[in-house]
Structures are given as C-alpha cells and as structure tokens.
N, C-alpha and C. Protein backbone atom coordinates (compact mmCIF):
# COMPACT_ATOMS: atom_id res chain seq x y z
N MET A 1 -7.02 -36.22 -62.35
CA MET A 1 -7.85 -35.75 -61.71
C MET A 1 -7.63 -34.12 -61.34
N GLY A 2 -8.79 -33.15 -61.91
CA GLY A 2 -8.53 -31.52 -61.55
C GLY A 2 -8.76 -30.87 -60.52
N GLU A 3 -8.24 -30.04 -60.41
CA GLU A 3 -8.05 -29.24 -59.33
C GLU A 3 -9.11 -29.36 -58.27
N GLY A 4 -10.42 -29.13 -58.89
CA GLY A 4 -11.76 -28.89 -58.03
C GLY A 4 -12.46 -30.30 -57.88
N ASP A 5 -11.32 -31.35 -58.40
CA ASP A 5 -11.92 -32.78 -57.98
C ASP A 5 -11.32 -33.74 -56.72
N ARG A 6 -10.43 -32.70 -56.22
CA ARG A 6 -9.77 -33.30 -54.86
C ARG A 6 -10.78 -33.32 -53.88
N SER A 7 -10.66 -34.48 -53.05
CA SER A 7 -11.68 -34.57 -52.04
C SER A 7 -10.76 -33.61 -50.94
N PRO A 8 -11.75 -32.76 -50.03
CA PRO A 8 -11.34 -32.35 -48.86
C PRO A 8 -10.46 -33.29 -47.75
N THR A 9 -9.32 -32.81 -47.09
CA THR A 9 -8.77 -33.19 -46.16
C THR A 9 -8.43 -32.71 -45.02
N ILE A 10 -8.03 -32.94 -43.87
CA ILE A 10 -7.64 -32.16 -42.86
C ILE A 10 -6.71 -31.48 -43.26
N VAL A 11 -5.51 -32.54 -43.64
CA VAL A 11 -4.46 -31.94 -43.74
C VAL A 11 -4.30 -31.80 -45.17
N ASP A 12 -3.68 -30.67 -45.77
CA ASP A 12 -3.77 -30.37 -47.07
C ASP A 12 -1.97 -30.44 -47.44
N ALA A 13 -1.78 -31.46 -48.60
CA ALA A 13 -0.46 -31.43 -48.79
C ALA A 13 0.28 -30.46 -49.39
N GLN A 14 -0.52 -29.83 -50.03
CA GLN A 14 0.19 -28.59 -51.22
C GLN A 14 0.19 -26.83 -49.78
N SER A 15 -0.63 -27.31 -49.04
CA SER A 15 -0.68 -26.04 -48.30
C SER A 15 -0.15 -26.10 -46.69
N GLY A 16 0.09 -27.33 -46.16
CA GLY A 16 0.42 -27.59 -44.95
C GLY A 16 -0.77 -27.41 -44.24
N VAL A 17 -0.70 -27.72 -42.76
CA VAL A 17 -1.34 -27.56 -41.75
C VAL A 17 -1.32 -26.17 -41.21
N ALA A 18 -0.07 -25.47 -41.23
CA ALA A 18 -0.20 -24.37 -40.55
C ALA A 18 -0.49 -23.22 -41.30
N ALA A 19 -1.18 -22.23 -40.62
CA ALA A 19 -1.51 -20.96 -41.18
C ALA A 19 -0.50 -19.80 -41.06
N SER A 20 0.27 -19.48 -40.12
CA SER A 20 1.16 -19.18 -39.75
C SER A 20 1.89 -19.05 -38.47
N PHE A 21 2.97 -18.85 -38.64
CA PHE A 21 3.94 -18.74 -37.44
C PHE A 21 3.13 -17.99 -36.09
N HIS A 22 2.93 -18.66 -35.32
CA HIS A 22 2.39 -17.66 -33.98
C HIS A 22 3.57 -17.49 -32.92
N GLY A 23 3.89 -18.37 -32.40
CA GLY A 23 5.19 -17.58 -31.29
C GLY A 23 5.71 -18.72 -30.70
N VAL A 24 6.47 -18.93 -29.86
CA VAL A 24 7.55 -19.73 -29.05
C VAL A 24 6.76 -19.79 -27.75
N ARG A 25 6.36 -20.92 -26.96
CA ARG A 25 5.72 -20.87 -25.77
C ARG A 25 7.09 -21.64 -24.72
N TYR A 26 7.38 -20.90 -23.70
CA TYR A 26 8.06 -20.76 -22.45
C TYR A 26 7.31 -21.24 -21.49
N HIS A 27 7.22 -22.37 -20.62
CA HIS A 27 6.93 -22.46 -19.39
C HIS A 27 7.66 -21.63 -18.21
N VAL A 28 7.34 -20.86 -17.40
CA VAL A 28 7.77 -20.31 -16.54
C VAL A 28 7.14 -20.49 -15.18
N ALA A 29 7.38 -19.97 -14.31
CA ALA A 29 7.08 -20.24 -12.87
C ALA A 29 6.06 -18.88 -12.22
N ASP A 30 6.77 -17.67 -12.76
CA ASP A 30 6.32 -16.65 -12.15
C ASP A 30 5.98 -15.60 -13.47
N VAL A 31 4.77 -15.88 -14.03
CA VAL A 31 4.70 -14.63 -15.25
C VAL A 31 4.90 -13.10 -15.25
N ARG A 32 4.65 -12.80 -14.22
CA ARG A 32 5.22 -11.42 -13.64
C ARG A 32 6.59 -11.29 -13.84
N ARG A 33 7.46 -11.89 -13.16
CA ARG A 33 8.88 -11.81 -13.07
C ARG A 33 9.55 -11.93 -14.21
N SER A 34 8.95 -13.07 -15.07
CA SER A 34 9.13 -13.41 -16.47
C SER A 34 9.11 -12.28 -17.58
N VAL A 35 7.71 -11.63 -17.37
CA VAL A 35 7.73 -10.13 -18.05
C VAL A 35 8.32 -9.02 -17.96
N ALA A 36 8.76 -8.59 -16.46
CA ALA A 36 10.17 -8.18 -16.55
C ALA A 36 11.17 -8.44 -16.93
N PHE A 37 11.87 -9.42 -17.12
CA PHE A 37 13.02 -10.08 -17.31
C PHE A 37 12.97 -9.67 -19.09
N TYR A 38 12.26 -10.59 -19.45
CA TYR A 38 11.72 -10.23 -21.21
C TYR A 38 11.86 -8.42 -21.71
N THR A 39 11.36 -7.83 -20.77
CA THR A 39 11.07 -6.23 -21.57
C THR A 39 12.02 -5.37 -21.07
N GLN A 40 12.63 -5.67 -19.65
CA GLN A 40 13.46 -4.32 -18.66
C GLN A 40 14.99 -4.89 -19.51
N HIS A 41 15.19 -6.37 -19.55
CA HIS A 41 16.35 -6.98 -20.17
C HIS A 41 16.93 -7.28 -21.70
N LEU A 42 15.78 -7.22 -22.32
CA LEU A 42 15.79 -7.82 -23.66
C LEU A 42 15.30 -6.84 -24.73
N GLY A 43 14.44 -5.82 -23.97
CA GLY A 43 13.75 -5.08 -25.18
C GLY A 43 12.62 -5.60 -25.82
N PHE A 44 11.81 -6.71 -25.09
CA PHE A 44 10.74 -7.02 -25.81
C PHE A 44 9.78 -6.25 -24.96
N GLY A 45 8.60 -5.78 -25.73
CA GLY A 45 7.56 -5.43 -25.49
C GLY A 45 6.12 -6.25 -25.11
N LEU A 46 5.19 -5.79 -24.07
CA LEU A 46 4.48 -6.22 -23.90
C LEU A 46 3.16 -6.38 -24.35
N GLU A 47 2.77 -7.69 -24.97
CA GLU A 47 1.52 -7.56 -25.78
C GLU A 47 0.35 -7.87 -25.08
N HIS A 48 0.20 -8.68 -23.96
CA HIS A 48 -1.07 -9.13 -23.57
C HIS A 48 -0.61 -9.69 -21.88
N GLN A 49 -1.26 -10.04 -21.11
CA GLN A 49 -0.78 -10.67 -20.00
C GLN A 49 -2.43 -10.81 -19.03
N GLN A 50 -2.40 -11.68 -18.67
CA GLN A 50 -3.12 -12.41 -17.61
C GLN A 50 -2.46 -13.11 -16.32
N PRO A 51 -1.85 -12.25 -15.39
CA PRO A 51 -1.05 -13.08 -14.49
C PRO A 51 -2.06 -13.69 -13.65
N PRO A 52 -1.98 -14.97 -12.82
CA PRO A 52 -0.58 -15.56 -13.08
C PRO A 52 -0.28 -16.67 -14.17
N ALA A 53 -1.36 -16.87 -15.03
CA ALA A 53 -1.47 -17.79 -15.91
C ALA A 53 -0.52 -17.45 -17.13
N PHE A 54 -0.66 -16.34 -17.91
CA PHE A 54 -0.24 -16.05 -19.14
C PHE A 54 0.52 -14.58 -19.50
N ALA A 55 1.37 -14.37 -19.98
CA ALA A 55 1.58 -13.31 -20.88
C ALA A 55 2.06 -13.39 -22.21
N ASN A 56 2.26 -12.39 -23.29
CA ASN A 56 2.62 -12.77 -24.53
C ASN A 56 3.74 -11.25 -24.64
N VAL A 57 4.91 -11.49 -24.72
CA VAL A 57 5.87 -10.79 -25.34
C VAL A 57 6.20 -10.66 -26.33
N SER A 58 6.59 -9.69 -26.93
CA SER A 58 7.37 -9.76 -28.73
C SER A 58 8.39 -8.80 -28.80
N LEU A 59 9.04 -9.10 -29.61
CA LEU A 59 10.28 -8.43 -30.52
C LEU A 59 10.19 -8.43 -31.81
N GLY A 60 9.64 -7.30 -32.25
CA GLY A 60 9.43 -7.57 -33.79
C GLY A 60 8.31 -8.51 -34.31
N PRO A 61 8.63 -9.44 -34.99
CA PRO A 61 7.69 -10.56 -35.16
C PRO A 61 7.44 -11.64 -34.04
N LEU A 62 8.60 -11.52 -33.69
CA LEU A 62 8.73 -12.87 -32.54
C LEU A 62 7.72 -12.58 -31.32
N HIS A 63 6.69 -13.71 -31.06
CA HIS A 63 5.86 -13.43 -29.70
C HIS A 63 6.58 -14.72 -28.61
N VAL A 64 7.02 -14.24 -27.79
CA VAL A 64 7.33 -15.65 -26.61
C VAL A 64 5.94 -15.48 -25.81
N LEU A 65 4.86 -16.76 -25.73
CA LEU A 65 4.03 -16.87 -24.92
C LEU A 65 4.31 -17.35 -23.39
N LEU A 66 4.86 -16.92 -22.45
CA LEU A 66 4.84 -17.10 -21.22
C LEU A 66 3.85 -17.69 -20.33
N SER A 67 3.96 -19.00 -20.38
CA SER A 67 2.93 -19.78 -19.71
C SER A 67 3.00 -20.37 -18.23
N GLY A 68 2.28 -19.91 -17.39
CA GLY A 68 2.53 -19.99 -15.81
C GLY A 68 2.21 -21.14 -15.64
N PRO A 69 2.31 -21.88 -14.57
CA PRO A 69 1.50 -22.87 -13.92
C PRO A 69 0.27 -23.19 -14.06
N GLY A 70 -0.63 -22.23 -14.08
CA GLY A 70 -2.23 -22.22 -14.65
C GLY A 70 -2.71 -22.20 -15.71
N ALA A 71 -1.74 -21.75 -16.82
CA ALA A 71 -1.81 -21.77 -18.07
C ALA A 71 -2.40 -23.34 -18.73
N SER A 72 -3.26 -22.93 -19.73
CA SER A 72 -3.83 -24.12 -20.38
C SER A 72 -2.68 -24.75 -21.01
N GLY A 73 -1.73 -23.93 -21.77
CA GLY A 73 -0.90 -24.60 -22.23
C GLY A 73 0.39 -25.08 -21.11
N SER A 74 0.22 -25.04 -20.07
CA SER A 74 1.04 -25.93 -19.02
C SER A 74 0.80 -26.87 -18.56
N ARG A 75 -0.63 -27.32 -18.68
CA ARG A 75 -1.21 -28.62 -18.20
C ARG A 75 -0.48 -30.09 -18.71
N PRO A 76 -0.22 -31.07 -17.60
CA PRO A 76 0.32 -32.32 -18.22
C PRO A 76 -0.24 -32.91 -18.99
N MET A 77 0.73 -33.54 -19.67
CA MET A 77 0.10 -34.60 -20.98
C MET A 77 -0.80 -35.77 -20.38
N PRO A 78 -1.63 -36.44 -21.23
CA PRO A 78 -2.32 -37.57 -20.85
C PRO A 78 -1.66 -38.34 -20.11
N ASP A 79 -0.23 -38.80 -20.44
CA ASP A 79 0.05 -39.83 -19.84
C ASP A 79 1.04 -39.38 -18.36
N GLY A 80 0.60 -38.28 -17.85
CA GLY A 80 1.13 -37.64 -16.94
C GLY A 80 2.64 -36.77 -17.01
N ARG A 81 3.39 -37.07 -17.99
CA ARG A 81 4.74 -36.22 -17.87
C ARG A 81 4.22 -34.61 -17.78
N ARG A 82 5.08 -33.68 -17.03
CA ARG A 82 4.51 -32.30 -16.62
C ARG A 82 5.64 -31.55 -17.77
N GLN A 83 5.13 -30.20 -18.03
CA GLN A 83 5.80 -29.60 -19.02
C GLN A 83 6.99 -28.66 -17.90
N GLU A 84 7.82 -28.61 -18.36
CA GLU A 84 8.94 -28.07 -17.62
C GLU A 84 9.70 -27.03 -18.12
N PRO A 85 10.13 -26.05 -17.94
CA PRO A 85 11.32 -24.96 -18.49
C PRO A 85 12.56 -25.74 -18.73
N GLY A 86 13.34 -25.17 -19.30
CA GLY A 86 14.46 -25.57 -19.90
C GLY A 86 14.93 -26.51 -21.18
N GLY A 87 15.90 -27.32 -21.07
CA GLY A 87 16.11 -27.65 -22.17
C GLY A 87 16.96 -27.09 -23.49
N TRP A 88 17.29 -27.42 -24.49
CA TRP A 88 18.12 -26.91 -25.25
C TRP A 88 17.78 -26.14 -26.28
N ASN A 89 16.29 -26.31 -26.92
CA ASN A 89 16.19 -25.83 -27.68
C ASN A 89 15.72 -24.28 -27.54
N ARG A 90 15.93 -23.23 -28.22
CA ARG A 90 16.35 -22.06 -27.60
C ARG A 90 15.22 -20.80 -29.01
N ILE A 91 15.13 -19.75 -28.48
CA ILE A 91 15.00 -18.47 -29.31
C ILE A 91 16.47 -18.06 -29.51
N VAL A 92 16.93 -17.29 -30.54
CA VAL A 92 17.79 -17.08 -30.94
C VAL A 92 17.76 -15.24 -31.48
N LEU A 93 18.09 -14.58 -30.27
CA LEU A 93 17.91 -12.93 -30.95
C LEU A 93 19.55 -12.65 -31.31
N ARG A 94 19.20 -11.58 -32.73
CA ARG A 94 20.86 -10.88 -33.16
C ARG A 94 20.80 -9.89 -32.27
N VAL A 95 21.87 -9.94 -32.17
CA VAL A 95 22.81 -8.30 -31.47
C VAL A 95 23.63 -7.64 -32.67
N THR A 96 24.09 -6.70 -32.20
CA THR A 96 25.34 -6.29 -32.98
C THR A 96 26.45 -5.95 -32.44
N ASP A 97 26.53 -6.10 -30.96
CA ASP A 97 27.58 -5.86 -30.46
C ASP A 97 27.56 -7.04 -29.11
N LEU A 98 27.82 -7.86 -29.18
CA LEU A 98 27.53 -9.51 -28.62
C LEU A 98 28.60 -8.92 -27.21
N PRO A 99 29.98 -8.86 -27.36
CA PRO A 99 30.70 -8.15 -25.80
C PRO A 99 29.96 -7.37 -25.34
N LEU A 100 29.58 -6.42 -25.49
CA LEU A 100 28.82 -5.28 -24.68
C LEU A 100 27.79 -6.03 -24.49
N CYS A 101 26.97 -6.80 -25.06
CA CYS A 101 25.81 -7.01 -24.46
C CYS A 101 25.78 -8.08 -23.37
N ILE A 102 27.17 -8.86 -23.42
CA ILE A 102 27.33 -9.82 -22.16
C ILE A 102 27.90 -8.83 -20.94
N ASP A 103 28.43 -8.26 -21.19
CA ASP A 103 29.09 -6.93 -20.13
C ASP A 103 27.29 -6.31 -19.55
N VAL A 104 26.79 -6.02 -20.13
CA VAL A 104 25.77 -5.45 -19.45
C VAL A 104 24.67 -6.12 -18.80
N LEU A 105 24.29 -7.81 -19.53
CA LEU A 105 23.79 -8.57 -18.86
C LEU A 105 24.43 -9.50 -17.77
N LYS A 106 25.73 -9.14 -17.94
CA LYS A 106 26.45 -9.74 -16.73
C LYS A 106 26.21 -9.03 -15.50
N LYS A 107 25.93 -7.75 -15.46
CA LYS A 107 26.50 -6.50 -14.55
C LYS A 107 24.73 -6.63 -14.18
N ALA A 108 23.58 -6.88 -14.65
CA ALA A 108 22.70 -6.97 -14.20
C ALA A 108 22.05 -8.60 -13.73
N GLY A 109 23.09 -9.31 -13.51
CA GLY A 109 23.23 -10.83 -12.95
C GLY A 109 22.50 -11.99 -13.39
N ILE A 110 22.00 -11.59 -14.61
CA ILE A 110 21.58 -12.49 -15.87
C ILE A 110 22.43 -13.86 -15.85
N ARG A 111 22.10 -15.18 -15.73
CA ARG A 111 22.58 -16.55 -15.80
C ARG A 111 22.83 -16.55 -17.44
N PHE A 112 24.55 -16.86 -16.94
CA PHE A 112 25.13 -17.37 -18.69
C PHE A 112 25.13 -19.33 -18.64
N ARG A 113 24.57 -19.89 -19.75
CA ARG A 113 24.82 -20.98 -19.34
C ARG A 113 26.53 -21.48 -20.50
N ASN A 114 26.85 -20.53 -21.18
CA ASN A 114 28.64 -20.55 -21.62
C ASN A 114 29.01 -19.31 -21.67
N GLN A 115 30.52 -19.74 -22.05
CA GLN A 115 31.15 -18.43 -22.21
C GLN A 115 30.63 -17.97 -23.92
N MET A 116 31.32 -17.01 -24.52
CA MET A 116 30.91 -16.54 -25.85
C MET A 116 31.70 -17.95 -26.67
N GLU A 117 31.10 -18.28 -27.57
CA GLU A 117 31.88 -18.96 -28.89
C GLU A 117 31.81 -18.47 -30.18
N VAL A 118 32.91 -18.90 -31.03
CA VAL A 118 33.19 -18.14 -32.15
C VAL A 118 33.45 -19.19 -32.79
N GLY A 119 32.24 -19.00 -34.60
CA GLY A 119 32.56 -19.76 -35.67
C GLY A 119 32.47 -19.20 -36.59
N PRO A 120 32.79 -19.85 -37.63
CA PRO A 120 32.63 -18.90 -38.99
C PRO A 120 31.33 -18.45 -39.44
N GLY A 121 30.29 -18.69 -38.55
CA GLY A 121 28.95 -17.77 -39.10
C GLY A 121 28.85 -16.98 -38.03
N GLY A 122 29.72 -16.29 -37.00
CA GLY A 122 29.55 -15.37 -36.24
C GLY A 122 29.74 -16.04 -34.81
N ARG A 123 29.67 -14.82 -33.85
CA ARG A 123 29.70 -15.55 -32.22
C ARG A 123 28.67 -15.65 -31.26
N GLN A 124 28.36 -16.30 -30.48
CA GLN A 124 27.29 -16.69 -29.65
C GLN A 124 27.18 -16.83 -28.39
N VAL A 125 26.20 -16.82 -27.51
CA VAL A 125 26.46 -17.02 -26.09
C VAL A 125 25.10 -17.36 -25.73
N GLN A 126 24.80 -18.43 -24.26
CA GLN A 126 23.72 -18.63 -24.05
C GLN A 126 23.35 -17.88 -22.71
N ILE A 127 21.85 -17.34 -22.49
CA ILE A 127 21.67 -17.07 -21.36
C ILE A 127 20.60 -17.69 -20.73
N GLU A 128 20.18 -17.49 -19.64
CA GLU A 128 18.60 -18.05 -19.23
C GLU A 128 17.97 -17.08 -18.88
N ASP A 129 16.39 -17.24 -19.11
CA ASP A 129 15.54 -16.41 -17.94
C ASP A 129 15.43 -17.07 -17.11
N PRO A 130 14.83 -16.18 -16.00
CA PRO A 130 14.70 -16.58 -14.81
C PRO A 130 13.92 -18.04 -14.22
N ASP A 131 13.76 -18.72 -15.27
CA ASP A 131 13.12 -20.55 -15.10
C ASP A 131 13.94 -21.04 -15.88
N GLY A 132 15.09 -20.94 -16.13
CA GLY A 132 15.91 -21.98 -17.05
C GLY A 132 15.51 -21.58 -18.49
N ASN A 133 14.82 -21.39 -18.88
CA ASN A 133 14.64 -21.24 -20.18
C ASN A 133 15.91 -20.75 -21.73
N PRO A 134 16.42 -21.15 -22.41
CA PRO A 134 17.58 -20.72 -22.79
C PRO A 134 17.15 -19.60 -23.90
N ILE A 135 18.24 -18.73 -24.02
CA ILE A 135 17.85 -17.95 -25.11
C ILE A 135 19.59 -17.78 -25.62
N GLU A 136 19.54 -17.45 -26.77
CA GLU A 136 20.64 -17.32 -27.40
C GLU A 136 20.84 -16.07 -28.18
N LEU A 137 21.99 -15.07 -27.59
CA LEU A 137 22.10 -14.31 -28.37
C LEU A 137 23.40 -13.95 -29.20
N PHE A 138 23.11 -13.67 -30.87
CA PHE A 138 23.88 -14.00 -31.76
C PHE A 138 24.38 -12.80 -32.50
N GLU A 139 25.50 -12.81 -33.05
CA GLU A 139 26.08 -11.67 -33.65
C GLU A 139 26.81 -12.49 -34.70
N PRO A 140 25.88 -12.25 -36.11
CA PRO A 140 26.67 -12.61 -37.65
C PRO A 140 28.07 -12.06 -37.57
N ALA A 141 28.86 -13.16 -38.31
CA ALA A 141 30.07 -12.70 -38.79
C ALA A 141 29.85 -11.67 -39.74
N ARG A 142 31.02 -10.69 -39.86
CA ARG A 142 31.24 -9.42 -40.78
C ARG A 142 32.07 -9.45 -42.02
C-alpha cells in the first residue's frame, strides 16, 4: 500500500493525536489568588484571565491553566467524580540556587511539602500553590 493509499483515521499512528503541547491544568479555588501566587512568587507572566473561572500564566514555554470552580475544565466527570487540586504529579521548575529559593519562599510563607532532597541528578524540594497543587523546584547537579 503506497503513501497515498492510506485510509484516513482519527488517530494517525505516525503523527499521533497531539498537534503540540498546550499547557498544564491546575484546579484552583480562587483564580485571582493563584495568579498572584504564580506571578509574584515564581516569576510567571499573566497571559490571559477571565476571573473567577480561568487564567493562563506562563514561564517560557510552560503555560499553567488555572481553572476555577466555574471553568469548563473543572466540571465533574460523567460518573460524578469532582476534579480537585493536589495529587503528586507536578510541574518542575529549574532554579540556579535552591537554598536561596527555599529561604525566600519560606520568608514569603509558602507551604513546603518536604525538606530539600539531594540525589545524583541534583537537588529538589516540593512546594504547594494556595490550593495544594504541587510544584517542584529543581537544581541540577553541577
């Protein structure tokens, strides 16, 4: 069968279903509070907001989609399960001086999930946004 003989399908096994990376969605209780957290403490820029339902903040190519209770991306699943913040999957932000970042964020009252961990690839710590969504700060080994 030649290239032009392929029948069209919804999923093309050679190119996949995804056109590109769009972002990471985090569920939040208060969109304005979350925008302030990401922009003031972590250096994200505000791309777009429609409080109280939604905001998009970015850091380089990473877009975090902050979905409030009224957002379409926060609606319950068909079986009734509610989408909630938290969990263990997380975004990872690279930093250049992890101890300094820890000191600055502790002074700002940011919640930490753990103490700094050190491994062969570098060192890391987990913090939480105001709704309990995890963020890992990572400094690669030198």
